Amino acid sequence: MYAGKGSIVFVLGGVRSGKSAFACRAAGAAGLPVVFIATALPVDGEMEARIRRHRDERPKHWGLVEAPYDADEGVIKACRQRSVILWDCITVFVSNLIVAGEEAGTSHERIERDIMHRMEAVLAAVKESDCTLIAVSNEVGLGVVPAYPLGRRFRDTTGRVNQLFAGFSDEVFFMLAGIPLQIKGAGAGFSPDIL
Protein backbone atom coordinates (compact mmCIF):
# COMPACT_ATOMS: atom_id res chain seq x y z
CA MET A 1 0.00 0.00 0.00
CA TYR A 2 1.23 3.45 -0.91
CA ALA A 3 2.15 5.58 2.10
CA GLY A 4 4.05 8.56 0.76
CA LYS A 5 3.78 12.24 1.55
CA GLY A 6 0.25 13.51 0.98
CA SER A 7 -1.02 10.15 -0.23
CA ILE A 8 -4.64 9.08 -0.52
CA VAL A 9 -5.88 5.50 -0.54
CA PHE A 10 -9.56 5.09 -1.41
CA VAL A 11 -11.40 1.93 -0.34
CA LEU A 12 -14.72 1.43 -2.09
CA GLY A 13 -17.24 -1.39 -1.98
CA GLY A 14 -20.72 -2.53 -1.13
CA VAL A 15 -22.30 -3.08 2.27
CA ARG A 16 -20.51 -5.81 4.26
CA SER A 17 -17.84 -6.15 1.58
CA GLY A 18 -14.99 -5.91 4.11
CA LYS A 19 -14.11 -2.25 3.51
CA SER A 20 -13.61 -1.23 7.13
CA ALA A 21 -11.63 -4.33 8.12
CA PHE A 22 -9.31 -3.91 5.12
CA ALA A 23 -8.85 -0.19 5.80
CA CYS A 24 -8.05 -0.86 9.48
CA ARG A 25 -5.47 -3.50 8.56
CA ALA A 26 -3.88 -1.12 6.05
CA ALA A 27 -3.78 1.74 8.55
CA GLY A 28 -2.21 -0.45 11.22
CA ALA A 29 0.43 -1.79 8.82
CA ALA A 30 1.72 1.68 7.92
CA GLY A 31 3.80 1.98 11.09
CA LEU A 32 2.63 5.51 11.90
CA PRO A 33 0.22 6.95 14.47
CA VAL A 34 -3.38 6.43 13.35
CA VAL A 35 -6.23 8.91 13.74
CA PHE A 36 -9.67 7.42 13.14
CA ILE A 37 -12.35 9.83 11.85
CA ALA A 38 -15.78 8.41 12.74
CA THR A 39 -18.96 9.72 11.13
CA ALA A 40 -21.84 7.55 12.39
CA LEU A 41 -24.59 8.93 14.60
CA PRO A 42 -26.08 6.75 17.38
CA VAL A 43 -29.66 7.36 16.19
CA ASP A 44 -31.06 4.14 17.71
CA GLY A 45 -30.06 1.10 19.74
CA GLU A 46 -28.92 -0.89 16.72
CA MET A 47 -26.60 1.94 15.58
CA GLU A 48 -25.27 2.36 19.12
CA ALA A 49 -24.36 -1.35 19.17
CA ARG A 50 -22.78 -1.11 15.72
CA ILE A 51 -20.67 1.90 16.74
CA ARG A 52 -19.62 0.12 19.95
CA ARG A 53 -18.61 -3.01 17.99
CA HIS A 54 -16.51 -0.96 15.55
CA ARG A 55 -14.87 0.88 18.47
CA ASP A 56 -14.06 -2.41 20.23
CA GLU A 57 -12.47 -3.83 17.06
CA ARG A 58 -10.03 -0.91 16.66
CA PRO A 59 -6.72 -0.70 18.53
CA LYS A 60 -7.13 1.30 21.74
CA HIS A 61 -4.04 3.44 21.10
CA TRP A 62 -5.47 4.95 17.90
CA GLY A 63 -6.65 8.53 18.08
CA LEU A 64 -10.39 9.06 17.61
CA VAL A 65 -12.29 12.03 16.23
CA GLU A 66 -16.07 11.65 16.25
CA ALA A 67 -17.24 14.06 13.57
CA PRO A 68 -20.60 13.24 11.98
CA TYR A 69 -20.98 16.76 10.53
CA ASP A 70 -17.40 18.01 10.32
CA ALA A 71 -15.29 14.99 9.39
CA ASP A 72 -13.61 17.06 6.69
CA GLU A 73 -12.37 19.52 9.32
CA GLY A 74 -11.23 16.58 11.47
CA VAL A 75 -9.14 15.26 8.57
CA ILE A 76 -7.62 18.68 7.89
CA LYS A 77 -6.66 19.11 11.58
CA ALA A 78 -5.19 15.59 11.72
CA CYS A 79 -3.05 16.42 8.65
CA ARG A 80 -0.92 18.71 10.80
CA GLN A 81 1.02 15.71 12.07
CA ARG A 82 2.69 12.89 10.17
CA SER A 83 0.14 10.12 10.61
CA VAL A 84 -2.32 7.83 8.92
CA ILE A 85 -5.86 9.17 8.92
CA LEU A 86 -8.60 6.58 8.51
CA TRP A 87 -11.93 8.17 7.52
CA ASP A 88 -14.78 5.68 7.88
CA CYS A 89 -16.93 6.51 6.21
CA ILE A 90 -17.52 9.16 3.57
CA THR A 91 -20.93 7.72 2.69
CA VAL A 92 -22.33 8.28 6.19
CA PHE A 93 -20.81 11.78 6.30
CA VAL A 94 -22.46 12.72 2.99
CA SER A 95 -25.78 11.29 4.22
CA ASN A 96 -25.53 13.31 7.46
CA LEU A 97 -24.92 16.54 5.51
CA ILE A 98 -27.74 15.89 3.03
CA VAL A 99 -30.28 15.12 5.77
CA ALA A 100 -29.21 18.18 7.82
CA GLY A 101 -29.45 20.38 4.72
CA GLU A 102 -32.86 19.02 3.80
CA GLU A 103 -34.13 19.60 7.35
CA ALA A 104 -32.86 23.19 7.17
CA GLY A 105 -34.75 23.75 3.89
CA THR A 106 -31.58 24.17 1.80
CA SER A 107 -31.90 23.38 -1.90
CA HIS A 108 -30.28 20.15 -3.03
CA GLU A 109 -28.16 22.03 -5.56
CA ARG A 110 -26.65 24.12 -2.77
CA ILE A 111 -26.22 21.08 -0.48
CA GLU A 112 -24.34 19.21 -3.19
CA ARG A 113 -22.25 22.25 -4.14
CA ASP A 114 -21.25 22.74 -0.48
CA ILE A 115 -20.39 19.05 -0.07
CA MET A 116 -18.25 19.02 -3.20
CA HIS A 117 -16.46 22.21 -2.10
CA ARG A 118 -15.71 20.70 1.31
CA MET A 119 -14.43 17.49 -0.27
CA GLU A 120 -12.16 19.39 -2.68
CA ALA A 121 -10.74 21.34 0.28
CA VAL A 122 -9.96 18.23 2.32
CA LEU A 123 -8.33 16.49 -0.66
CA ALA A 124 -6.15 19.55 -1.33
CA ALA A 125 -5.13 19.71 2.35
CA VAL A 126 -4.12 16.05 2.39
CA LYS A 127 -2.08 16.41 -0.81
CA GLU A 128 -0.13 19.29 0.77
CA SER A 129 0.53 17.41 4.03
CA ASP A 130 2.82 14.67 5.32
CA CYS A 131 -0.07 12.36 6.20
CA THR A 132 -1.67 9.41 4.46
CA LEU A 133 -5.46 9.38 4.19
CA ILE A 134 -7.29 6.07 3.90
CA ALA A 135 -10.87 6.97 2.98
CA VAL A 136 -13.72 4.43 2.98
CA SER A 137 -16.93 4.82 0.97
CA ASN A 138 -19.81 2.73 -0.34
CA GLU A 139 -20.18 2.12 -4.05
CA VAL A 140 -23.71 3.37 -4.69
CA GLY A 141 -23.96 2.89 -8.44
CA LEU A 142 -24.47 -0.87 -8.66
CA GLY A 143 -27.98 -1.09 -7.22
CA VAL A 144 -31.43 -0.19 -8.43
CA VAL A 145 -32.55 3.42 -8.85
CA PRO A 146 -33.93 4.52 -5.46
CA ALA A 147 -37.70 4.90 -5.35
CA TYR A 148 -37.69 8.28 -3.59
CA PRO A 149 -36.18 11.67 -4.54
CA LEU A 150 -34.03 11.89 -1.38
CA GLY A 151 -32.54 8.48 -2.13
CA ARG A 152 -31.75 9.50 -5.70
CA ARG A 153 -30.15 12.74 -4.53
CA PHE A 154 -28.05 10.82 -2.00
CA ARG A 155 -26.96 8.29 -4.65
CA ASP A 156 -26.06 11.00 -7.17
CA THR A 157 -24.11 13.15 -4.71
CA THR A 158 -22.26 10.18 -3.22
CA GLY A 159 -21.41 8.95 -6.73
CA ARG A 160 -19.91 12.33 -7.59
CA VAL A 161 -17.95 12.42 -4.32
CA ASN A 162 -16.63 8.90 -5.00
CA GLN A 163 -15.48 9.95 -8.47
CA LEU A 164 -13.71 12.97 -7.00
CA PHE A 165 -11.91 10.85 -4.39
CA ALA A 166 -10.95 8.18 -6.91
CA GLY A 167 -9.51 10.84 -9.20
CA PHE A 168 -7.32 12.32 -6.44
CA SER A 169 -6.29 8.99 -4.94
CA ASP A 170 -2.91 7.35 -5.42
CA GLU A 171 -4.49 3.93 -4.94
CA VAL A 172 -8.09 2.72 -5.19
CA PHE A 173 -9.27 -0.64 -3.89
CA PHE A 174 -12.65 -2.18 -4.63
CA MET A 175 -13.77 -4.68 -2.01
CA LEU A 176 -15.70 -7.73 -3.13
CA ALA A 177 -16.71 -10.38 -0.56
CA GLY A 178 -13.74 -9.45 1.62
CA ILE A 179 -11.26 -9.53 -1.27
CA PRO A 180 -9.47 -6.27 -2.13
CA LEU A 181 -9.18 -5.65 -5.86
CA GLN A 182 -6.72 -2.87 -6.64
CA ILE A 183 -8.14 -0.83 -9.51
CA LYS A 184 -5.76 2.16 -9.41
CA GLY A 185 -2.12 2.54 -8.45
CA ALA A 186 1.10 0.56 -8.76
CA GLY A 187 0.39 -3.07 -9.48
CA ALA A 188 -3.24 -2.54 -10.40
CA GLY A 189 -4.80 -4.41 -13.27
CA PHE A 190 -6.30 -1.17 -14.51
CA SER A 191 -4.84 1.31 -16.94
CA PRO A 192 -6.50 4.68 -17.68
CA ASP A 193 -4.73 4.58 -21.06
CA ILE A 194 -7.18 1.97 -22.36
CA LEU A 195 -10.20 4.22 -21.85
C-alpha atoms as a PDB file:
ATOM      1  CA  MET A   1       0.000   0.000   0.000  1.00  0.00           C
ATOM      2  CA  TYR A   2       1.229   3.454  -0.910  1.00  0.00           C
ATOM      3  CA  ALA A   3       2.153   5.577   2.098  1.00  0.00           C
ATOM      4  CA  GLY A   4       4.051   8.562   0.756  1.00  0.00           C
ATOM      5  CA  LYS A   5       3.776  12.236   1.551  1.00  0.00           C
ATOM      6  CA  GLY A   6       0.251  13.507   0.983  1.00  0.00           C
ATOM      7  CA  SER A   7      -1.016  10.153  -0.231  1.00  0.00           C
ATOM      8  CA  ILE A   8      -4.644   9.082  -0.523  1.00  0.00           C
ATOM      9  CA  VAL A   9      -5.878   5.500  -0.541  1.00  0.00           C
ATOM     10  CA  PHE A  10      -9.562   5.088  -1.413  1.00  0.00           C
ATOM     11  CA  VAL A  11     -11.400   1.930  -0.339  1.00  0.00           C
ATOM     12  CA  LEU A  12     -14.715   1.431  -2.092  1.00  0.00           C
ATOM     13  CA  GLY A  13     -17.243  -1.394  -1.976  1.00  0.00           C
ATOM     14  CA  GLY A  14     -20.721  -2.529  -1.127  1.00  0.00           C
ATOM     15  CA  VAL A  15     -22.295  -3.082   2.270  1.00  0.00           C
ATOM     16  CA  ARG A  16     -20.511  -5.805   4.260  1.00  0.00           C
ATOM     17  CA  SER A  17     -17.838  -6.148   1.581  1.00  0.00           C
ATOM     18  CA  GLY A  18     -14.987  -5.907   4.111  1.00  0.00           C
ATOM     19  CA  LYS A  19     -14.108  -2.246   3.506  1.00  0.00           C
ATOM     20  CA  SER A  20     -13.613  -1.231   7.126  1.00  0.00           C
ATOM     21  CA  ALA A  21     -11.627  -4.329   8.115  1.00  0.00           C
ATOM     22  CA  PHE A  22      -9.313  -3.912   5.118  1.00  0.00           C
ATOM     23  CA  ALA A  23      -8.852  -0.189   5.802  1.00  0.00           C
ATOM     24  CA  CYS A  24      -8.054  -0.863   9.477  1.00  0.00           C
ATOM     25  CA  ARG A  25      -5.465  -3.504   8.562  1.00  0.00           C
ATOM     26  CA  ALA A  26      -3.881  -1.124   6.048  1.00  0.00           C
ATOM     27  CA  ALA A  27      -3.783   1.742   8.551  1.00  0.00           C
ATOM     28  CA  GLY A  28      -2.207  -0.448  11.221  1.00  0.00           C
ATOM     29  CA  ALA A  29       0.426  -1.789   8.824  1.00  0.00           C
ATOM     30  CA  ALA A  30       1.718   1.677   7.923  1.00  0.00           C
ATOM     31  CA  GLY A  31       3.800   1.980  11.091  1.00  0.00           C
ATOM     32  CA  LEU A  32       2.631   5.511  11.897  1.00  0.00           C
ATOM     33  CA  PRO A  33       0.223   6.946  14.471  1.00  0.00           C
ATOM     34  CA  VAL A  34      -3.381   6.429  13.345  1.00  0.00           C
ATOM     35  CA  VAL A  35      -6.230   8.915  13.736  1.00  0.00           C
ATOM     36  CA  PHE A  36      -9.668   7.416  13.138  1.00  0.00           C
ATOM     37  CA  ILE A  37     -12.350   9.828  11.845  1.00  0.00           C
ATOM     38  CA  ALA A  38     -15.777   8.406  12.736  1.00  0.00           C
ATOM     39  CA  THR A  39     -18.964   9.716  11.134  1.00  0.00           C
ATOM     40  CA  ALA A  40     -21.840   7.547  12.394  1.00  0.00           C
ATOM     41  CA  LEU A  41     -24.591   8.928  14.598  1.00  0.00           C
ATOM     42  CA  PRO A  42     -26.081   6.752  17.382  1.00  0.00           C
ATOM     43  CA  VAL A  43     -29.656   7.359  16.188  1.00  0.00           C
ATOM     44  CA  ASP A  44     -31.060   4.139  17.706  1.00  0.00           C
ATOM     45  CA  GLY A  45     -30.061   1.097  19.742  1.00  0.00           C
ATOM     46  CA  GLU A  46     -28.919  -0.892  16.721  1.00  0.00           C
ATOM     47  CA  MET A  47     -26.604   1.935  15.579  1.00  0.00           C
ATOM     48  CA  GLU A  48     -25.271   2.358  19.118  1.00  0.00           C
ATOM     49  CA  ALA A  49     -24.362  -1.346  19.168  1.00  0.00           C
ATOM     50  CA  ARG A  50     -22.782  -1.106  15.717  1.00  0.00           C
ATOM     51  CA  ILE A  51     -20.666   1.898  16.737  1.00  0.00           C
ATOM     52  CA  ARG A  52     -19.617   0.121  19.954  1.00  0.00           C
ATOM     53  CA  ARG A  53     -18.611  -3.012  17.993  1.00  0.00           C
ATOM     54  CA  HIS A  54     -16.507  -0.959  15.552  1.00  0.00           C
ATOM     55  CA  ARG A  55     -14.867   0.879  18.467  1.00  0.00           C
ATOM     56  CA  ASP A  56     -14.059  -2.410  20.231  1.00  0.00           C
ATOM     57  CA  GLU A  57     -12.472  -3.832  17.063  1.00  0.00           C
ATOM     58  CA  ARG A  58     -10.030  -0.910  16.664  1.00  0.00           C
ATOM     59  CA  PRO A  59      -6.718  -0.702  18.529  1.00  0.00           C
ATOM     60  CA  LYS A  60      -7.135   1.296  21.744  1.00  0.00           C
ATOM     61  CA  HIS A  61      -4.042   3.440  21.100  1.00  0.00           C
ATOM     62  CA  TRP A  62      -5.467   4.954  17.901  1.00  0.00           C
ATOM     63  CA  GLY A  63      -6.653   8.534  18.076  1.00  0.00           C
ATOM     64  CA  LEU A  64     -10.386   9.059  17.614  1.00  0.00           C
ATOM     65  CA  VAL A  65     -12.288  12.033  16.230  1.00  0.00           C
ATOM     66  CA  GLU A  66     -16.075  11.646  16.245  1.00  0.00           C
ATOM     67  CA  ALA A  67     -17.240  14.064  13.569  1.00  0.00           C
ATOM     68  CA  PRO A  68     -20.598  13.236  11.983  1.00  0.00           C
ATOM     69  CA  TYR A  69     -20.982  16.755  10.528  1.00  0.00           C
ATOM     70  CA  ASP A  70     -17.399  18.010  10.319  1.00  0.00           C
ATOM     71  CA  ALA A  71     -15.286  14.991   9.393  1.00  0.00           C
ATOM     72  CA  ASP A  72     -13.608  17.064   6.685  1.00  0.00           C
ATOM     73  CA  GLU A  73     -12.368  19.518   9.319  1.00  0.00           C
ATOM     74  CA  GLY A  74     -11.231  16.584  11.467  1.00  0.00           C
ATOM     75  CA  VAL A  75      -9.143  15.259   8.573  1.00  0.00           C
ATOM     76  CA  ILE A  76      -7.623  18.680   7.886  1.00  0.00           C
ATOM     77  CA  LYS A  77      -6.664  19.111  11.580  1.00  0.00           C
ATOM     78  CA  ALA A  78      -5.194  15.593  11.717  1.00  0.00           C
ATOM     79  CA  CYS A  79      -3.055  16.423   8.649  1.00  0.00           C
ATOM     80  CA  ARG A  80      -0.924  18.709  10.799  1.00  0.00           C
ATOM     81  CA  GLN A  81       1.022  15.708  12.067  1.00  0.00           C
ATOM     82  CA  ARG A  82       2.694  12.888  10.173  1.00  0.00           C
ATOM     83  CA  SER A  83       0.139  10.122  10.607  1.00  0.00           C
ATOM     84  CA  VAL A  84      -2.320   7.828   8.916  1.00  0.00           C
ATOM     85  CA  ILE A  85      -5.859   9.172   8.919  1.00  0.00           C
ATOM     86  CA  LEU A  86      -8.602   6.579   8.513  1.00  0.00           C
ATOM     87  CA  TRP A  87     -11.927   8.166   7.516  1.00  0.00           C
ATOM     88  CA  ASP A  88     -14.777   5.678   7.883  1.00  0.00           C
ATOM     89  CA  CYS A  89     -16.927   6.507   6.212  1.00  0.00           C
ATOM     90  CA  ILE A  90     -17.520   9.155   3.569  1.00  0.00           C
ATOM     91  CA  THR A  91     -20.934   7.721   2.695  1.00  0.00           C
ATOM     92  CA  VAL A  92     -22.332   8.280   6.186  1.00  0.00           C
ATOM     93  CA  PHE A  93     -20.806  11.775   6.303  1.00  0.00           C
ATOM     94  CA  VAL A  94     -22.464  12.722   2.990  1.00  0.00           C
ATOM     95  CA  SER A  95     -25.777  11.294   4.219  1.00  0.00           C
ATOM     96  CA  ASN A  96     -25.534  13.313   7.457  1.00  0.00           C
ATOM     97  CA  LEU A  97     -24.921  16.535   5.512  1.00  0.00           C
ATOM     98  CA  ILE A  98     -27.738  15.889   3.032  1.00  0.00           C
ATOM     99  CA  VAL A  99     -30.282  15.124   5.771  1.00  0.00           C
ATOM    100  CA  ALA A 100     -29.210  18.182   7.822  1.00  0.00           C
ATOM    101  CA  GLY A 101     -29.445  20.380   4.724  1.00  0.00           C
ATOM    102  CA  GLU A 102     -32.865  19.019   3.800  1.00  0.00           C
ATOM    103  CA  GLU A 103     -34.127  19.596   7.352  1.00  0.00           C
ATOM    104  CA  ALA A 104     -32.860  23.190   7.175  1.00  0.00           C
ATOM    105  CA  GLY A 105     -34.745  23.745   3.892  1.00  0.00           C
ATOM    106  CA  THR A 106     -31.581  24.166   1.797  1.00  0.00           C
ATOM    107  CA  SER A 107     -31.903  23.383  -1.902  1.00  0.00           C
ATOM    108  CA  HIS A 108     -30.284  20.152  -3.034  1.00  0.00           C
ATOM    109  CA  GLU A 109     -28.162  22.031  -5.555  1.00  0.00           C
ATOM    110  CA  ARG A 110     -26.650  24.122  -2.769  1.00  0.00           C
ATOM    111  CA  ILE A 111     -26.218  21.084  -0.482  1.00  0.00           C
ATOM    112  CA  GLU A 112     -24.336  19.207  -3.191  1.00  0.00           C
ATOM    113  CA  ARG A 113     -22.250  22.253  -4.136  1.00  0.00           C
ATOM    114  CA  ASP A 114     -21.248  22.739  -0.480  1.00  0.00           C
ATOM    115  CA  ILE A 115     -20.392  19.052  -0.065  1.00  0.00           C
ATOM    116  CA  MET A 116     -18.247  19.018  -3.202  1.00  0.00           C
ATOM    117  CA  HIS A 117     -16.460  22.210  -2.101  1.00  0.00           C
ATOM    118  CA  ARG A 118     -15.714  20.696   1.312  1.00  0.00           C
ATOM    119  CA  MET A 119     -14.432  17.490  -0.274  1.00  0.00           C
ATOM    120  CA  GLU A 120     -12.165  19.388  -2.677  1.00  0.00           C
ATOM    121  CA  ALA A 121     -10.745  21.337   0.283  1.00  0.00           C
ATOM    122  CA  VAL A 122      -9.965  18.225   2.315  1.00  0.00           C
ATOM    123  CA  LEU A 123      -8.330  16.489  -0.656  1.00  0.00           C
ATOM    124  CA  ALA A 124      -6.149  19.550  -1.329  1.00  0.00           C
ATOM    125  CA  ALA A 125      -5.133  19.712   2.345  1.00  0.00           C
ATOM    126  CA  VAL A 126      -4.116  16.050   2.388  1.00  0.00           C
ATOM    127  CA  LYS A 127      -2.080  16.406  -0.815  1.00  0.00           C
ATOM    128  CA  GLU A 128      -0.134  19.295   0.773  1.00  0.00           C
ATOM    129  CA  SER A 129       0.527  17.408   4.033  1.00  0.00           C
ATOM    130  CA  ASP A 130       2.818  14.669   5.323  1.00  0.00           C
ATOM    131  CA  CYS A 131      -0.071  12.364   6.196  1.00  0.00           C
ATOM    132  CA  THR A 132      -1.671   9.409   4.455  1.00  0.00           C
ATOM    133  CA  LEU A 133      -5.462   9.381   4.190  1.00  0.00           C
ATOM    134  CA  ILE A 134      -7.290   6.074   3.900  1.00  0.00           C
ATOM    135  CA  ALA A 135     -10.869   6.967   2.980  1.00  0.00           C
ATOM    136  CA  VAL A 136     -13.718   4.434   2.981  1.00  0.00           C
ATOM    137  CA  SER A 137     -16.931   4.817   0.969  1.00  0.00           C
ATOM    138  CA  ASN A 138     -19.809   2.730  -0.341  1.00  0.00           C
ATOM    139  CA  GLU A 139     -20.176   2.117  -4.048  1.00  0.00           C
ATOM    140  CA  VAL A 140     -23.714   3.368  -4.688  1.00  0.00           C
ATOM    141  CA  GLY A 141     -23.957   2.888  -8.440  1.00  0.00           C
ATOM    142  CA  LEU A 142     -24.474  -0.869  -8.661  1.00  0.00           C
ATOM    143  CA  GLY A 143     -27.982  -1.089  -7.223  1.00  0.00           C
ATOM    144  CA  VAL A 144     -31.433  -0.191  -8.432  1.00  0.00           C
ATOM    145  CA  VAL A 145     -32.545   3.416  -8.853  1.00  0.00           C
ATOM    146  CA  PRO A 146     -33.928   4.516  -5.457  1.00  0.00           C
ATOM    147  CA  ALA A 147     -37.703   4.903  -5.346  1.00  0.00           C
ATOM    148  CA  TYR A 148     -37.687   8.283  -3.587  1.00  0.00           C
ATOM    149  CA  PRO A 149     -36.180  11.675  -4.537  1.00  0.00           C
ATOM    150  CA  LEU A 150     -34.030  11.894  -1.377  1.00  0.00           C
ATOM    151  CA  GLY A 151     -32.543   8.480  -2.125  1.00  0.00           C
ATOM    152  CA  ARG A 152     -31.755   9.501  -5.699  1.00  0.00           C
ATOM    153  CA  ARG A 153     -30.148  12.740  -4.525  1.00  0.00           C
ATOM    154  CA  PHE A 154     -28.051  10.817  -2.005  1.00  0.00           C
ATOM    155  CA  ARG A 155     -26.957   8.291  -4.649  1.00  0.00           C
ATOM    156  CA  ASP A 156     -26.063  11.001  -7.165  1.00  0.00           C
ATOM    157  CA  THR A 157     -24.111  13.153  -4.708  1.00  0.00           C
ATOM    158  CA  THR A 158     -22.264  10.181  -3.224  1.00  0.00           C
ATOM    159  CA  GLY A 159     -21.413   8.946  -6.729  1.00  0.00           C
ATOM    160  CA  ARG A 160     -19.909  12.330  -7.593  1.00  0.00           C
ATOM    161  CA  VAL A 161     -17.953  12.423  -4.319  1.00  0.00           C
ATOM    162  CA  ASN A 162     -16.632   8.905  -4.998  1.00  0.00           C
ATOM    163  CA  GLN A 163     -15.482   9.952  -8.470  1.00  0.00           C
ATOM    164  CA  LEU A 164     -13.710  12.974  -6.999  1.00  0.00           C
ATOM    165  CA  PHE A 165     -11.914  10.853  -4.393  1.00  0.00           C
ATOM    166  CA  ALA A 166     -10.955   8.181  -6.911  1.00  0.00           C
ATOM    167  CA  GLY A 167      -9.514  10.837  -9.198  1.00  0.00           C
ATOM    168  CA  PHE A 168      -7.325  12.319  -6.441  1.00  0.00           C
ATOM    169  CA  SER A 169      -6.288   8.990  -4.945  1.00  0.00           C
ATOM    170  CA  ASP A 170      -2.912   7.346  -5.424  1.00  0.00           C
ATOM    171  CA  GLU A 171      -4.495   3.928  -4.942  1.00  0.00           C
ATOM    172  CA  VAL A 172      -8.086   2.722  -5.190  1.00  0.00           C
ATOM    173  CA  PHE A 173      -9.270  -0.640  -3.891  1.00  0.00           C
ATOM    174  CA  PHE A 174     -12.646  -2.180  -4.634  1.00  0.00           C
ATOM    175  CA  MET A 175     -13.769  -4.680  -2.009  1.00  0.00           C
ATOM    176  CA  LEU A 176     -15.702  -7.728  -3.134  1.00  0.00           C
ATOM    177  CA  ALA A 177     -16.709 -10.384  -0.565  1.00  0.00           C
ATOM    178  CA  GLY A 178     -13.737  -9.447   1.617  1.00  0.00           C
ATOM    179  CA  ILE A 179     -11.258  -9.527  -1.266  1.00  0.00           C
ATOM    180  CA  PRO A 180      -9.466  -6.268  -2.132  1.00  0.00           C
ATOM    181  CA  LEU A 181      -9.176  -5.648  -5.856  1.00  0.00           C
ATOM    182  CA  GLN A 182      -6.722  -2.872  -6.644  1.00  0.00           C
ATOM    183  CA  ILE A 183      -8.137  -0.830  -9.508  1.00  0.00           C
ATOM    184  CA  LYS A 184      -5.762   2.158  -9.414  1.00  0.00           C
ATOM    185  CA  GLY A 185      -2.118   2.542  -8.450  1.00  0.00           C
ATOM    186  CA  ALA A 186       1.100   0.562  -8.763  1.00  0.00           C
ATOM    187  CA  GLY A 187       0.387  -3.070  -9.477  1.00  0.00           C
ATOM    188  CA  ALA A 188      -3.244  -2.540 -10.398  1.00  0.00           C
ATOM    189  CA  GLY A 189      -4.796  -4.411 -13.273  1.00  0.00           C
ATOM    190  CA  PHE A 190      -6.300  -1.170 -14.512  1.00  0.00           C
ATOM    191  CA  SER A 191      -4.844   1.312 -16.937  1.00  0.00           C
ATOM    192  CA  PRO A 192      -6.500   4.678 -17.677  1.00  0.00           C
ATOM    193  CA  ASP A 193      -4.729   4.581 -21.063  1.00  0.00           C
ATOM    194  CA  ILE A 194      -7.183   1.966 -22.361  1.00  0.00           C
ATOM    195  CA  LEU A 195     -10.203   4.216 -21.845  1.00  0.00           C
END
